[in-house]
Amino acid sequence: MKQYDGLFILNSVGHEDSVEKMIEGVSACIKGAGGKIDNVDRHETKSFARVANKKYKSGYYLTVLFEISVEGLRKVQEELAENTDVFRSSISIARAPVPEPAATASATE
C-alpha cells in the first residue's frame, strides 16, 4: 500500500451545517475501499479565485493523508466522481517526510 495525499473541495454552498457529515462521507469512502486514514486536516471555506460555475463560488477545503492499494484508490476516485458533495478532488502520492538535519559535531574535540 502506498501513502497518498488527497485535497478535497467540498460543496458547502447552502450546506454549511453539514460539512462534518461530508467529511465523514469522504473518510468512509476511503475506509470502505480498504484504506487507512493517517491524518485529516480541516481547513476552511474559501472563495475561488476563478469561478468556473456561478453556482459554486466557494468550497470547504479538506486535506487527507491516507494509505490504500492501487485498486482501492481507483474505487475511491470513481466514488468521489459521483459524489455531489465533493466539488473537486486531487490525489497524489505523498512525499516521504524530510529527515531532520543531523546535529553537527562540536568543534571542541
Protein backbone atom coordinates (compact mmCIF):
# COMPACT_ATOMS: atom_id res chain seq x y z
CA MET A 1 0.00 0.00 0.00
CA LYS A 2 1.18 3.48 -0.85
CA GLN A 3 0.58 6.66 1.06
CA TYR A 4 -1.45 9.34 -0.71
CA ASP A 5 -2.22 12.98 -0.05
CA GLY A 6 -5.75 13.98 -1.04
CA LEU A 7 -7.06 17.52 -1.38
CA PHE A 8 -10.84 17.65 -1.45
CA ILE A 9 -13.02 20.70 -2.06
CA LEU A 10 -16.44 20.07 -0.61
CA ASN A 11 -19.60 21.67 -1.97
CA SER A 12 -20.56 23.60 1.13
CA VAL A 13 -22.77 26.19 -0.60
CA GLY A 14 -26.05 26.07 1.28
CA HIS A 15 -24.79 23.10 3.32
CA GLU A 16 -22.52 24.84 5.85
CA ASP A 17 -24.16 22.98 8.73
CA SER A 18 -23.47 19.54 7.23
CA VAL A 19 -19.74 19.89 6.43
CA GLU A 20 -18.84 17.42 9.17
CA LYS A 21 -21.16 14.85 7.59
CA MET A 22 -19.44 15.43 4.21
CA ILE A 23 -16.02 14.91 5.82
CA GLU A 24 -17.25 11.66 7.36
CA GLY A 25 -18.51 10.63 3.91
CA VAL A 26 -15.07 11.14 2.33
CA SER A 27 -13.44 9.23 5.20
CA ALA A 28 -15.97 6.39 4.89
CA CYS A 29 -15.32 6.19 1.14
CA ILE A 30 -11.57 5.76 1.74
CA LYS A 31 -12.05 3.24 4.56
CA GLY A 32 -14.68 1.34 2.55
CA ALA A 33 -12.15 0.81 -0.23
CA GLY A 34 -9.68 -0.73 2.22
CA GLY A 35 -7.75 2.43 3.06
CA LYS A 36 -6.32 3.62 6.36
CA ILE A 37 -6.54 7.31 7.23
CA ASP A 38 -3.41 8.74 8.83
CA ASN A 39 -4.36 12.41 9.17
CA VAL A 40 -7.26 14.74 8.37
CA ASP A 41 -6.67 18.50 8.15
CA ARG A 42 -9.82 20.57 8.16
CA HIS A 43 -9.28 23.93 6.54
CA GLU A 44 -11.98 26.49 5.97
CA THR A 45 -14.39 27.65 3.33
CA LYS A 46 -12.50 29.69 0.76
CA SER A 47 -13.71 31.71 -2.19
CA PHE A 48 -12.45 30.55 -5.57
CA ALA A 49 -10.01 32.84 -7.39
CA ARG A 50 -11.60 31.89 -10.72
CA VAL A 51 -15.26 31.00 -10.73
CA ALA A 52 -15.92 28.38 -13.41
CA ASN A 53 -19.57 27.96 -12.46
CA LYS A 54 -21.60 30.78 -10.89
CA LYS A 55 -23.38 28.22 -8.73
CA TYR A 56 -20.08 27.37 -6.97
CA LYS A 57 -18.22 30.46 -5.75
CA SER A 58 -16.55 28.84 -2.74
CA GLY A 59 -15.83 25.47 -1.17
CA TYR A 60 -14.66 23.84 2.06
CA TYR A 61 -11.07 22.59 1.75
CA LEU A 62 -10.04 19.29 3.30
CA THR A 63 -6.67 17.51 3.19
CA VAL A 64 -6.47 13.79 3.98
CA LEU A 65 -3.30 11.71 4.28
CA PHE A 66 -4.12 8.03 3.77
CA GLU A 67 -2.74 4.63 2.77
CA ILE A 68 -4.52 2.46 0.21
CA SER A 69 -3.86 -0.10 -2.52
CA VAL A 70 -3.93 0.93 -6.18
CA GLU A 71 -7.19 -0.95 -6.71
CA GLY A 72 -8.71 0.77 -3.68
CA LEU A 73 -7.56 4.15 -4.98
CA ARG A 74 -9.36 3.56 -8.27
CA LYS A 75 -12.53 2.71 -6.36
CA VAL A 76 -12.22 5.87 -4.25
CA GLN A 77 -11.74 8.05 -7.34
CA GLU A 78 -14.79 6.52 -9.04
CA GLU A 79 -16.98 7.01 -5.97
CA LEU A 80 -15.83 10.60 -5.43
CA ALA A 81 -16.51 11.45 -9.08
CA GLU A 82 -20.16 10.51 -8.48
CA ASN A 83 -20.42 12.19 -5.06
CA THR A 84 -22.19 15.56 -5.39
CA ASP A 85 -20.78 16.69 -2.02
CA VAL A 86 -17.25 16.68 -3.48
CA PHE A 87 -16.79 19.58 -5.89
CA ARG A 88 -13.16 18.77 -6.79
CA SER A 89 -10.54 16.28 -5.66
CA SER A 90 -6.84 15.87 -6.27
CA ILE A 91 -4.97 12.80 -5.06
CA SER A 92 -1.21 12.44 -5.34
CA ILE A 93 1.45 10.17 -3.92
CA ALA A 94 2.57 11.60 -0.58
CA ARG A 95 6.12 12.72 -0.27
CA ALA A 96 8.37 10.95 2.19
CA PRO A 97 8.94 13.08 5.29
CA VAL A 98 12.15 15.08 5.20
CA PRO A 99 14.55 13.85 7.92
CA GLU A 100 15.78 16.37 10.43
CA PRO A 101 19.35 17.51 9.76
CA ALA A 102 21.88 15.73 11.94
CA ALA A 103 23.44 17.82 14.66
CA THR A 104 26.89 18.97 13.67
CA ALA A 105 29.77 17.62 15.64
CA SER A 106 31.06 20.06 18.20
CA ALA A 107 34.32 21.82 17.43
CA THR A 108 35.72 21.12 20.91
CA GLU A 109 37.19 17.74 20.06
